[in-house]
Structure formats: C-alpha cells, structure tokens
Amino acid sequence: MQTRAAVEYFLTRFLGGIGDDQLVEPLARISHVRELERKEILFHEDDPGETIYFLISGSIKLTRINPEGKEAIIHFVQPGELFAEILFFMQNRYPVTATSLDKCLLLGLSTTGLQNMIREYPPFTMRLIGLLARRLKYFVHMVEQLVNADVRQRFISYLEQTAAIKGNPFTLPVPKGELASLLGTTPETFS
C-alpha cells in the first residue's frame, strides 16, 4: 500500500472521513507505511521514538516488563486503532514493547509533524482530541474492571467490547494465555 492510500484509509477509518481533502497531502508528507512479519518487534519499552502508529491490518501486542521480569499485556491493538500516541507527552520514549502477532501493515505518523498539523488544522485537532478521550475512557474502564470485577465479569466485558468492534460471531484475536494476561489472571484460572 502506498502512503497516500494509507493516509486516505486513516482519515476515513480513524477520523471518520472528516471530509477535508486538504489533510491528505500534509499527512502524507509526515507519514510512512511499514510492514511487519509475524512476531516482529516494532519497538521496545523505553526506546526513543518519534513515530505514532495506526494499524491498518494485523494485530499488535503491547507489553511491559515488571521489576520481577514478568511480561504484562497492556493491550491488543486491532486494525483501525492508533497507538504510541503517548509520545506526545513522554519525552519521546515508548512506554511499552510492541510485537506483531501476525503480518501487519502500519501507517507511521511523525509526532513533530502531527504537532504542527494540530496547530494548523483545528477540525483535525478537535477530532483527534475526541478520539484520544475515548481511548482514555477505554483504559479507565479496563482499570475499573481489574479492580472491581472477577475474571468471569472481565471476560464477558472483553467479549462485549470485541463484539461491538468486530460484530458477531467472531473468533478470539489472541491465544488463551495472552488473553488471560490481559484480563489480569493466570491461564489456569482463565480456563
């Protein structure tokens, strides 16, 4: 996929086709398309970075390593999601490791370029703020689930959220052990 086509897809899928064709060229100038093979690492936790990613196809696992060396799954990125947007606020360091779960196609967006676009295109800025607020709401919900819900309730909530995105029926996008980690439990308890 060429960068311009990826940018058009991003505008349509992520920003809901805000109808502003003047954004295609500026976004294409600050973007690049990247392909990953299965189990390829896009970036490591604490790596310096300047790129925010939009997943076009495939799936990405975001993880952190705790002080005991255990991997904690933070999120499974699905097509149509933006990730690593925290670079706007974290002094250009990735807070997680991103690993492809299968072959992936991504649109990389320069944080510096996006910051300039935010200043120059107010409708783009407002739409982006709204989408980031929804993402924050999702993570607040995840924390609430981890604190207040048992494993069964967390799994049902995950199924409801996934069905809302993918429709019914769907297959689980990740192996059982990795889903258990996302839900804050062990594979044995999850079974």
N, C-alpha and C. Protein backbone atom coordinates (compact mmCIF):
# COMPACT_ATOMS: atom_id res chain seq x y z
N MET A 1 0.85 -1.18 0.00
CA MET A 1 0.00 0.00 0.00
C MET A 1 0.89 1.23 0.00
N GLN A 2 0.54 2.20 -0.80
CA GLN A 2 1.30 3.44 -0.86
C GLN A 2 0.87 4.37 0.27
N THR A 3 1.74 5.30 0.61
CA THR A 3 1.49 6.20 1.73
C THR A 3 0.20 6.99 1.54
N ARG A 4 -0.03 7.53 0.37
CA ARG A 4 -1.24 8.33 0.14
C ARG A 4 -2.50 7.50 0.38
N ALA A 5 -2.54 6.26 -0.11
CA ALA A 5 -3.70 5.39 0.10
C ALA A 5 -3.87 5.07 1.59
N ALA A 6 -2.75 4.85 2.28
CA ALA A 6 -2.81 4.58 3.72
C ALA A 6 -3.34 5.79 4.48
N VAL A 7 -2.94 6.99 4.09
CA VAL A 7 -3.41 8.21 4.73
C VAL A 7 -4.92 8.38 4.49
N GLU A 8 -5.37 8.12 3.28
CA GLU A 8 -6.80 8.21 2.98
C GLU A 8 -7.59 7.22 3.82
N TYR A 9 -7.05 6.01 3.96
CA TYR A 9 -7.70 5.00 4.80
C TYR A 9 -7.74 5.47 6.26
N PHE A 10 -6.64 6.02 6.75
CA PHE A 10 -6.56 6.56 8.11
C PHE A 10 -7.63 7.63 8.32
N LEU A 11 -7.74 8.57 7.39
CA LEU A 11 -8.72 9.64 7.52
C LEU A 11 -10.15 9.09 7.54
N THR A 12 -10.39 8.09 6.71
CA THR A 12 -11.73 7.51 6.64
C THR A 12 -12.04 6.66 7.86
N ARG A 13 -11.12 5.76 8.20
CA ARG A 13 -11.39 4.80 9.27
C ARG A 13 -11.23 5.40 10.65
N PHE A 14 -10.14 6.09 10.87
CA PHE A 14 -9.85 6.59 12.22
C PHE A 14 -10.56 7.91 12.50
N LEU A 15 -10.55 8.79 11.54
CA LEU A 15 -11.14 10.10 11.77
C LEU A 15 -12.54 10.23 11.19
N GLY A 16 -13.09 9.13 10.70
CA GLY A 16 -14.46 9.15 10.21
C GLY A 16 -14.66 9.93 8.94
N GLY A 17 -13.61 10.07 8.13
CA GLY A 17 -13.74 10.79 6.87
C GLY A 17 -14.20 12.22 7.10
N ILE A 18 -13.40 12.97 7.80
CA ILE A 18 -13.84 14.31 8.20
C ILE A 18 -14.08 15.23 7.00
N GLY A 19 -13.92 14.70 5.81
CA GLY A 19 -14.29 15.43 4.60
C GLY A 19 -13.35 16.55 4.23
N ASP A 20 -12.16 16.52 4.74
CA ASP A 20 -11.23 17.60 4.45
C ASP A 20 -10.08 17.06 3.61
N ASP A 21 -10.23 17.14 2.29
CA ASP A 21 -9.20 16.62 1.39
C ASP A 21 -7.87 17.35 1.53
N GLN A 22 -7.91 18.55 2.13
CA GLN A 22 -6.66 19.28 2.29
C GLN A 22 -5.73 18.63 3.31
N LEU A 23 -6.22 17.63 4.06
CA LEU A 23 -5.38 16.94 5.04
C LEU A 23 -4.54 15.82 4.43
N VAL A 24 -4.94 15.31 3.26
CA VAL A 24 -4.25 14.15 2.69
C VAL A 24 -2.78 14.46 2.42
N GLU A 25 -2.50 15.52 1.72
CA GLU A 25 -1.10 15.84 1.38
C GLU A 25 -0.24 16.15 2.60
N PRO A 26 -0.72 17.02 3.54
CA PRO A 26 0.12 17.27 4.73
C PRO A 26 0.38 16.00 5.54
N LEU A 27 -0.63 15.14 5.67
CA LEU A 27 -0.43 13.89 6.41
C LEU A 27 0.51 12.95 5.66
N ALA A 28 0.40 12.90 4.34
CA ALA A 28 1.28 12.02 3.55
C ALA A 28 2.74 12.45 3.70
N ARG A 29 2.97 13.75 3.84
CA ARG A 29 4.35 14.24 3.98
C ARG A 29 4.99 13.83 5.31
N ILE A 30 4.17 13.62 6.33
CA ILE A 30 4.72 13.29 7.65
C ILE A 30 4.54 11.81 7.99
N SER A 31 4.18 11.00 6.99
CA SER A 31 3.84 9.60 7.23
C SER A 31 4.70 8.66 6.40
N HIS A 32 4.68 7.40 6.81
CA HIS A 32 5.30 6.33 6.03
C HIS A 32 4.54 5.03 6.31
N VAL A 33 4.59 4.12 5.35
CA VAL A 33 3.96 2.82 5.52
C VAL A 33 5.03 1.83 5.96
N ARG A 34 4.67 0.96 6.88
CA ARG A 34 5.61 -0.04 7.39
C ARG A 34 4.92 -1.39 7.46
N GLU A 35 5.64 -2.43 7.07
CA GLU A 35 5.14 -3.80 7.16
C GLU A 35 5.95 -4.55 8.21
N LEU A 36 5.27 -5.41 8.95
CA LEU A 36 5.93 -6.26 9.93
C LEU A 36 5.56 -7.71 9.66
N GLU A 37 6.51 -8.59 9.88
CA GLU A 37 6.24 -10.02 9.81
C GLU A 37 5.73 -10.48 11.18
N ARG A 38 5.20 -11.66 11.24
CA ARG A 38 4.70 -12.24 12.49
C ARG A 38 5.82 -12.29 13.54
N LYS A 39 5.49 -11.89 14.76
CA LYS A 39 6.39 -11.88 15.92
C LYS A 39 7.57 -10.92 15.77
N GLU A 40 7.44 -9.93 14.92
CA GLU A 40 8.49 -8.91 14.77
C GLU A 40 8.23 -7.80 15.78
N ILE A 41 9.30 -7.30 16.38
CA ILE A 41 9.17 -6.21 17.35
C ILE A 41 9.26 -4.88 16.62
N LEU A 42 8.25 -4.05 16.84
CA LEU A 42 8.21 -2.72 16.24
C LEU A 42 9.09 -1.75 17.05
N PHE A 43 8.95 -1.81 18.37
CA PHE A 43 9.79 -1.01 19.27
C PHE A 43 9.77 -1.66 20.65
N HIS A 44 10.82 -1.39 21.43
CA HIS A 44 10.94 -1.91 22.80
C HIS A 44 10.55 -0.82 23.80
N GLU A 45 10.14 -1.28 24.96
CA GLU A 45 9.86 -0.38 26.07
C GLU A 45 11.10 0.48 26.35
N ASP A 46 10.89 1.77 26.49
CA ASP A 46 11.91 2.78 26.78
C ASP A 46 12.80 3.13 25.59
N ASP A 47 12.54 2.58 24.41
CA ASP A 47 13.25 3.01 23.21
C ASP A 47 12.89 4.46 22.91
N PRO A 48 13.84 5.25 22.40
CA PRO A 48 13.48 6.59 21.93
C PRO A 48 12.61 6.45 20.68
N GLY A 49 11.69 7.37 20.49
CA GLY A 49 10.83 7.28 19.32
C GLY A 49 10.25 8.62 18.94
N GLU A 50 9.81 8.69 17.70
CA GLU A 50 9.24 9.91 17.14
C GLU A 50 8.04 9.57 16.26
N THR A 51 7.57 8.31 16.35
CA THR A 51 6.51 7.87 15.45
C THR A 51 5.34 7.29 16.22
N ILE A 52 4.16 7.77 15.89
CA ILE A 52 2.90 7.22 16.37
C ILE A 52 2.39 6.33 15.25
N TYR A 53 1.74 5.22 15.59
CA TYR A 53 1.31 4.27 14.56
C TYR A 53 -0.20 4.10 14.51
N PHE A 54 -0.67 3.86 13.29
CA PHE A 54 -2.06 3.50 13.02
C PHE A 54 -2.02 2.13 12.37
N LEU A 55 -2.71 1.15 12.96
CA LEU A 55 -2.69 -0.22 12.44
C LEU A 55 -3.74 -0.39 11.35
N ILE A 56 -3.28 -0.73 10.15
CA ILE A 56 -4.16 -0.93 9.01
C ILE A 56 -4.64 -2.38 8.97
N SER A 57 -3.73 -3.32 9.17
CA SER A 57 -4.12 -4.74 9.19
C SER A 57 -3.18 -5.50 10.11
N GLY A 58 -3.68 -6.65 10.59
CA GLY A 58 -2.91 -7.46 11.52
C GLY A 58 -3.30 -7.16 12.95
N SER A 59 -2.46 -7.56 13.88
CA SER A 59 -2.67 -7.23 15.29
C SER A 59 -1.32 -7.10 15.99
N ILE A 60 -1.31 -6.25 16.99
CA ILE A 60 -0.09 -5.90 17.73
C ILE A 60 -0.36 -6.11 19.22
N LYS A 61 0.61 -6.69 19.90
CA LYS A 61 0.53 -6.87 21.35
C LYS A 61 1.42 -5.81 22.00
N LEU A 62 0.86 -5.04 22.94
CA LEU A 62 1.62 -4.06 23.71
C LEU A 62 1.87 -4.62 25.10
N THR A 63 3.14 -4.67 25.51
CA THR A 63 3.51 -5.26 26.79
C THR A 63 4.49 -4.39 27.55
N ARG A 64 4.54 -4.63 28.85
CA ARG A 64 5.55 -4.04 29.73
C ARG A 64 6.14 -5.18 30.55
N ILE A 65 7.36 -4.99 31.00
CA ILE A 65 8.02 -5.97 31.86
C ILE A 65 8.06 -5.39 33.28
N ASN A 66 7.55 -6.16 34.25
CA ASN A 66 7.55 -5.67 35.63
C ASN A 66 8.94 -5.89 36.26
N PRO A 67 9.17 -5.36 37.45
CA PRO A 67 10.50 -5.47 38.07
C PRO A 67 10.98 -6.92 38.26
N GLU A 68 10.04 -7.87 38.36
CA GLU A 68 10.42 -9.28 38.51
C GLU A 68 10.70 -9.93 37.16
N GLY A 69 10.56 -9.18 36.07
CA GLY A 69 10.83 -9.72 34.74
C GLY A 69 9.65 -10.38 34.07
N LYS A 70 8.47 -10.26 34.65
CA LYS A 70 7.27 -10.87 34.09
C LYS A 70 6.61 -9.92 33.10
N GLU A 71 6.17 -10.48 31.96
CA GLU A 71 5.51 -9.68 30.94
C GLU A 71 4.05 -9.43 31.33
N ALA A 72 3.64 -8.18 31.23
CA ALA A 72 2.24 -7.80 31.46
C ALA A 72 1.68 -7.27 30.14
N ILE A 73 0.59 -7.86 29.69
CA ILE A 73 -0.02 -7.42 28.45
C ILE A 73 -0.90 -6.21 28.77
N ILE A 74 -0.66 -5.14 28.06
CA ILE A 74 -1.38 -3.88 28.26
C ILE A 74 -2.59 -3.79 27.34
N HIS A 75 -2.38 -4.20 26.07
CA HIS A 75 -3.46 -4.05 25.09
C HIS A 75 -3.14 -4.84 23.84
N PHE A 76 -4.18 -5.31 23.17
CA PHE A 76 -4.05 -5.89 21.84
C PHE A 76 -4.59 -4.87 20.85
N VAL A 77 -3.73 -4.34 20.02
CA VAL A 77 -4.12 -3.33 19.03
C VAL A 77 -4.73 -4.06 17.84
N GLN A 78 -5.90 -3.61 17.43
CA GLN A 78 -6.61 -4.19 16.29
C GLN A 78 -6.63 -3.18 15.15
N PRO A 79 -6.90 -3.63 13.93
CA PRO A 79 -6.95 -2.69 12.79
C PRO A 79 -7.89 -1.52 13.06
N GLY A 80 -7.44 -0.34 12.66
CA GLY A 80 -8.23 0.87 12.87
C GLY A 80 -7.88 1.60 14.14
N GLU A 81 -6.90 1.10 14.90
CA GLU A 81 -6.51 1.76 16.15
C GLU A 81 -5.19 2.50 16.00
N LEU A 82 -5.10 3.61 16.69
CA LEU A 82 -3.88 4.39 16.81
C LEU A 82 -3.19 3.95 18.09
N PHE A 83 -1.87 3.86 18.09
CA PHE A 83 -1.15 3.54 19.31
C PHE A 83 0.20 4.24 19.34
N ALA A 84 0.77 4.31 20.52
CA ALA A 84 2.02 5.01 20.81
C ALA A 84 1.81 6.52 20.81
N GLU A 85 0.57 6.95 20.89
CA GLU A 85 0.28 8.39 20.91
C GLU A 85 0.77 9.05 22.19
N ILE A 86 1.15 8.27 23.17
CA ILE A 86 1.68 8.81 24.41
C ILE A 86 3.01 9.55 24.19
N LEU A 87 3.64 9.33 23.04
CA LEU A 87 4.89 10.04 22.73
C LEU A 87 4.71 11.56 22.76
N PHE A 88 3.48 12.02 22.57
CA PHE A 88 3.23 13.46 22.67
C PHE A 88 3.60 13.98 24.06
N PHE A 89 3.55 13.11 25.07
CA PHE A 89 3.67 13.57 26.44
C PHE A 89 4.85 12.98 27.21
N MET A 90 5.57 12.01 26.63
CA MET A 90 6.57 11.27 27.40
C MET A 90 8.01 11.47 26.93
N GLN A 91 8.36 12.61 26.50
CA GLN A 91 9.74 12.90 26.13
C GLN A 91 10.30 11.90 25.13
N ASN A 92 9.45 11.49 24.18
CA ASN A 92 9.85 10.65 23.06
C ASN A 92 10.44 9.29 23.45
N ARG A 93 9.83 8.65 24.44
CA ARG A 93 10.21 7.29 24.84
C ARG A 93 8.95 6.42 24.80
N TYR A 94 9.07 5.25 24.17
CA TYR A 94 7.95 4.31 24.14
C TYR A 94 7.79 3.67 25.51
N PRO A 95 6.58 3.67 26.09
CA PRO A 95 6.39 3.11 27.43
C PRO A 95 6.13 1.60 27.42
N VAL A 96 6.00 1.01 26.24
CA VAL A 96 5.69 -0.41 26.11
C VAL A 96 6.52 -1.01 24.97
N THR A 97 6.48 -2.33 24.88
CA THR A 97 7.04 -3.04 23.73
C THR A 97 5.89 -3.41 22.81
N ALA A 98 6.06 -3.20 21.52
CA ALA A 98 5.04 -3.54 20.53
C ALA A 98 5.54 -4.69 19.68
N THR A 99 4.80 -5.81 19.69
CA THR A 99 5.17 -7.01 18.95
C THR A 99 4.02 -7.42 18.04
N SER A 100 4.31 -7.70 16.79
CA SER A 100 3.25 -8.14 15.88
C SER A 100 2.85 -9.57 16.21
N LEU A 101 1.54 -9.83 16.18
CA LEU A 101 1.04 -11.18 16.41
C LEU A 101 0.86 -11.92 15.10
N ASP A 102 0.78 -11.18 14.02
CA ASP A 102 0.72 -11.74 12.68
C ASP A 102 1.25 -10.69 11.72
N LYS A 103 1.19 -10.95 10.44
CA LYS A 103 1.70 -9.97 9.48
C LYS A 103 0.89 -8.68 9.61
N CYS A 104 1.58 -7.54 9.66
CA CYS A 104 0.92 -6.25 9.91
C CYS A 104 1.29 -5.22 8.86
N LEU A 105 0.37 -4.31 8.65
CA LEU A 105 0.60 -3.14 7.82
C LEU A 105 0.24 -1.93 8.68
N LEU A 106 1.18 -0.99 8.78
CA LEU A 106 1.00 0.17 9.65
C LEU A 106 1.27 1.46 8.90
N LEU A 107 0.64 2.51 9.38
CA LEU A 107 0.95 3.87 8.93
C LEU A 107 1.65 4.54 10.09
N GLY A 108 2.90 4.96 9.87
CA GLY A 108 3.65 5.68 10.89
C GLY A 108 3.50 7.18 10.67
N LEU A 109 3.21 7.90 11.76
CA LEU A 109 3.00 9.34 11.70
C LEU A 109 4.01 10.04 12.60
N SER A 110 4.73 11.00 12.07
CA SER A 110 5.72 11.75 12.84
C SER A 110 5.03 12.58 13.93
N THR A 111 5.51 12.47 15.18
CA THR A 111 4.90 13.26 16.25
C THR A 111 5.13 14.76 16.02
N THR A 112 6.31 15.11 15.56
CA THR A 112 6.59 16.52 15.27
C THR A 112 5.66 17.03 14.18
N GLY A 113 5.50 16.25 13.12
CA GLY A 113 4.59 16.63 12.05
C GLY A 113 3.16 16.74 12.52
N LEU A 114 2.72 15.80 13.37
CA LEU A 114 1.36 15.86 13.90
C LEU A 114 1.16 17.09 14.79
N GLN A 115 2.17 17.42 15.58
CA GLN A 115 2.06 18.62 16.42
C GLN A 115 1.88 19.86 15.56
N ASN A 116 2.57 19.93 14.43
CA ASN A 116 2.38 21.06 13.52
C ASN A 116 0.98 21.05 12.92
N MET A 117 0.49 19.87 12.55
CA MET A 117 -0.87 19.78 11.98
C MET A 117 -1.92 20.16 13.00
N ILE A 118 -1.70 19.82 14.26
CA ILE A 118 -2.65 20.17 15.32
C ILE A 118 -2.79 21.68 15.42
N ARG A 119 -1.69 22.39 15.24
CA ARG A 119 -1.73 23.86 15.29
C ARG A 119 -2.40 24.45 14.05
N GLU A 120 -2.23 23.81 12.89
CA GLU A 120 -2.69 24.38 11.63
C GLU A 120 -4.10 23.99 11.21
N TYR A 121 -4.63 22.88 11.71
CA TYR A 121 -5.93 22.38 11.26
C TYR A 121 -6.85 22.10 12.46
N PRO A 122 -7.56 23.12 12.95
CA PRO A 122 -8.42 22.96 14.14
C PRO A 122 -9.45 21.82 14.04
N PRO A 123 -10.13 21.59 12.90
CA PRO A 123 -11.08 20.47 12.87
C PRO A 123 -10.39 19.11 13.10
N PHE A 124 -9.20 18.95 12.53
CA PHE A 124 -8.40 17.74 12.74
C PHE A 124 -8.06 17.61 14.22
N THR A 125 -7.68 18.71 14.84
CA THR A 125 -7.30 18.73 16.25
C THR A 125 -8.45 18.29 17.14
N MET A 126 -9.64 18.85 16.90
CA MET A 126 -10.78 18.51 17.73
C MET A 126 -11.16 17.04 17.58
N ARG A 127 -11.10 16.52 16.37
CA ARG A 127 -11.43 15.11 16.14
C ARG A 127 -10.41 14.22 16.84
N LEU A 128 -9.15 14.57 16.76
CA LEU A 128 -8.09 13.80 17.41
C LEU A 128 -8.26 13.82 18.93
N ILE A 129 -8.57 14.96 19.49
CA ILE A 129 -8.79 15.06 20.94
C ILE A 129 -9.95 14.17 21.37
N GLY A 130 -11.03 14.18 20.59
CA GLY A 130 -12.17 13.33 20.90
C GLY A 130 -11.81 11.85 20.89
N LEU A 131 -11.04 11.45 19.91
CA LEU A 131 -10.65 10.05 19.82
C LEU A 131 -9.70 9.65 20.94
N LEU A 132 -8.80 10.53 21.32
CA LEU A 132 -7.90 10.24 22.43
C LEU A 132 -8.67 10.17 23.75
N ALA A 133 -9.70 10.99 23.89
CA ALA A 133 -10.55 10.94 25.09
C ALA A 133 -11.29 9.60 25.17
N ARG A 134 -11.77 9.10 24.04
CA ARG A 134 -12.44 7.79 24.03
C ARG A 134 -11.46 6.68 24.42
N ARG A 135 -10.23 6.81 23.95
CA ARG A 135 -9.21 5.81 24.30
C ARG A 135 -8.91 5.86 25.80
N LEU A 136 -8.84 7.04 26.35
CA LEU A 136 -8.63 7.19 27.79
C LEU A 136 -9.79 6.56 28.56
N LYS A 137 -11.00 6.78 28.08
CA LYS A 137 -12.18 6.18 28.71
C LYS A 137 -12.08 4.66 28.70
N TYR A 138 -11.61 4.09 27.58
CA TYR A 138 -11.44 2.64 27.48
C TYR A 138 -10.47 2.14 28.55
N PHE A 139 -9.33 2.82 28.72
CA PHE A 139 -8.34 2.37 29.69
C PHE A 139 -8.82 2.57 31.12
N VAL A 140 -9.59 3.61 31.38
CA VAL A 140 -10.19 3.79 32.71
C VAL A 140 -11.14 2.63 32.99
N HIS A 141 -11.91 2.24 31.98
CA HIS A 141 -12.82 1.09 32.13
C HIS A 141 -12.02 -0.19 32.42
N MET A 142 -10.90 -0.37 31.72
CA MET A 142 -10.06 -1.56 31.96
C MET A 142 -9.55 -1.60 33.40
N VAL A 143 -9.08 -0.46 33.91
CA VAL A 143 -8.59 -0.41 35.29
C VAL A 143 -9.73 -0.71 36.25
N GLU A 144 -10.89 -0.12 36.01
CA GLU A 144 -12.05 -0.38 36.86
C GLU A 144 -12.40 -1.87 36.87
N GLN A 145 -12.37 -2.50 35.70
CA GLN A 145 -12.64 -3.94 35.61
C GLN A 145 -11.62 -4.75 36.41
N LEU A 146 -10.35 -4.40 36.31
CA LEU A 146 -9.32 -5.14 37.04
C LEU A 146 -9.49 -5.01 38.55
N VAL A 147 -9.97 -3.85 38.99
CA VAL A 147 -10.12 -3.62 40.42
C VAL A 147 -11.42 -4.21 40.96
N ASN A 148 -12.51 -4.05 40.24
CA ASN A 148 -13.83 -4.36 40.78
C ASN A 148 -14.50 -5.64 40.28
N ALA A 149 -14.03 -6.21 39.19
CA ALA A 149 -14.73 -7.35 38.59
C ALA A 149 -13.93 -8.63 38.75
N ASP A 150 -14.65 -9.75 38.86
CA ASP A 150 -13.94 -11.03 38.89
C ASP A 150 -13.57 -11.42 37.46
N VAL A 151 -12.83 -12.51 37.31
CA VAL A 151 -12.32 -12.92 35.99
C VAL A 151 -13.47 -13.15 35.01
N ARG A 152 -14.54 -13.79 35.47
CA ARG A 152 -15.68 -14.05 34.59
C ARG A 152 -16.28 -12.74 34.06
N GLN A 153 -16.48 -11.77 34.94
CA GLN A 153 -17.04 -10.48 34.54
C GLN A 153 -16.10 -9.75 33.58
N ARG A 154 -14.78 -9.82 33.84
CA ARG A 154 -13.81 -9.16 32.95
C ARG A 154 -13.84 -9.78 31.57
N PHE A 155 -13.96 -11.12 31.51
CA PHE A 155 -14.01 -11.80 30.22
C PHE A 155 -15.29 -11.44 29.46
N ILE A 156 -16.41 -11.40 30.15
CA ILE A 156 -17.67 -11.02 29.50
C ILE A 156 -17.58 -9.60 28.97
N SER A 157 -17.00 -8.70 29.74
CA SER A 157 -16.82 -7.31 29.29
C SER A 157 -15.93 -7.26 28.05
N TYR A 158 -14.85 -8.04 28.05
CA TYR A 158 -13.96 -8.10 26.89
C TYR A 158 -14.71 -8.60 25.66
N LEU A 159 -15.52 -9.65 25.83
CA LEU A 159 -16.31 -10.18 24.72
C LEU A 159 -17.29 -9.15 24.19
N GLU A 160 -17.93 -8.41 25.07
CA GLU A 160 -18.88 -7.37 24.65
C GLU A 160 -18.18 -6.27 23.86
N GLN A 161 -17.03 -5.83 24.35
CA GLN A 161 -16.28 -4.79 23.65
C GLN A 161 -15.79 -5.28 22.29
N THR A 162 -15.30 -6.50 22.23
CA THR A 162 -14.80 -7.05 20.97
C THR A 162 -15.95 -7.24 19.98
N ALA A 163 -17.10 -7.72 20.46
CA ALA A 163 -18.26 -7.89 19.59
C ALA A 163 -18.75 -6.56 19.05
N ALA A 164 -18.65 -5.50 19.85
CA ALA A 164 -19.07 -4.17 19.40
C ALA A 164 -18.20 -3.69 18.25
N ILE A 165 -16.93 -4.08 18.26
CA ILE A 165 -15.99 -3.67 17.21
C ILE A 165 -16.06 -4.60 16.01
N LYS A 166 -16.02 -5.91 16.26
CA LYS A 166 -15.91 -6.89 15.18
C LYS A 166 -17.25 -7.44 14.71
N GLY A 167 -18.30 -7.28 15.51
CA GLY A 167 -19.58 -7.88 15.17
C GLY A 167 -19.63 -9.32 15.63
N ASN A 168 -20.77 -9.95 15.43
CA ASN A 168 -20.96 -11.34 15.83
C ASN A 168 -21.14 -12.20 14.60
N PRO A 169 -20.71 -13.42 14.58
CA PRO A 169 -19.77 -14.02 15.52
C PRO A 169 -18.35 -13.57 15.23
N PHE A 170 -17.44 -13.82 16.15
CA PHE A 170 -16.03 -13.52 15.96
C PHE A 170 -15.21 -14.58 16.67
N THR A 171 -13.96 -14.68 16.27
CA THR A 171 -13.04 -15.57 16.97
C THR A 171 -12.14 -14.71 17.84
N LEU A 172 -11.68 -15.27 18.93
CA LEU A 172 -10.79 -14.52 19.81
C LEU A 172 -9.52 -14.18 19.04
N PRO A 173 -9.08 -12.93 19.10
CA PRO A 173 -7.94 -12.50 18.28
C PRO A 173 -6.57 -12.92 18.79
N VAL A 174 -6.53 -13.50 20.00
CA VAL A 174 -5.24 -13.87 20.59
C VAL A 174 -5.36 -15.21 21.30
N PRO A 175 -4.24 -15.87 21.56
CA PRO A 175 -4.28 -17.14 22.30
C PRO A 175 -4.80 -16.95 23.72
N LYS A 176 -5.33 -18.03 24.27
CA LYS A 176 -5.95 -18.01 25.60
C LYS A 176 -5.00 -17.49 26.69
N GLY A 177 -3.74 -17.90 26.65
CA GLY A 177 -2.79 -17.47 27.68
C GLY A 177 -2.55 -15.97 27.65
N GLU A 178 -2.49 -15.40 26.46
CA GLU A 178 -2.28 -13.96 26.35
C GLU A 178 -3.53 -13.18 26.75
N LEU A 179 -4.69 -13.72 26.43
CA LEU A 179 -5.94 -13.08 26.85
C LEU A 179 -6.04 -13.12 28.38
N ALA A 180 -5.63 -14.22 28.99
CA ALA A 180 -5.63 -14.31 30.45
C ALA A 180 -4.78 -13.20 31.05
N SER A 181 -3.61 -12.97 30.49
CA SER A 181 -2.73 -11.91 30.99
C SER A 181 -3.39 -10.53 30.86
N LEU A 182 -4.03 -10.28 29.74
CA LEU A 182 -4.73 -9.01 29.55
C LEU A 182 -5.82 -8.83 30.61
N LEU A 183 -6.49 -9.92 30.95
CA LEU A 183 -7.59 -9.86 31.92
C LEU A 183 -7.10 -9.90 33.37
N GLY A 184 -5.78 -9.96 33.55
CA GLY A 184 -5.21 -9.90 34.90
C GLY A 184 -5.34 -11.20 35.68
N THR A 185 -5.21 -12.32 34.99
CA THR A 185 -5.29 -13.61 35.67
C THR A 185 -4.31 -14.58 35.04
N THR A 186 -4.27 -15.78 35.59
CA THR A 186 -3.39 -16.82 35.04
C THR A 186 -4.15 -17.64 34.02
N PRO A 187 -3.44 -18.31 33.10
CA PRO A 187 -4.13 -19.18 32.13
C PRO A 187 -4.96 -20.27 32.81
N GLU A 188 -4.47 -20.80 33.95
CA GLU A 188 -5.19 -21.85 34.66
C GLU A 188 -6.52 -21.34 35.21
N THR A 189 -6.51 -20.16 35.80
CA THR A 189 -7.74 -19.57 36.34
C THR A 189 -8.69 -19.23 35.20
N PHE A 190 -8.14 -18.71 34.13
CA PHE A 190 -8.97 -18.34 32.98
C PHE A 190 -9.68 -19.57 32.40
N SER A 191 -8.98 -20.70 32.35
CA SER A 191 -9.60 -21.94 31.83
C SER A 191 -10.79 -22.35 32.69
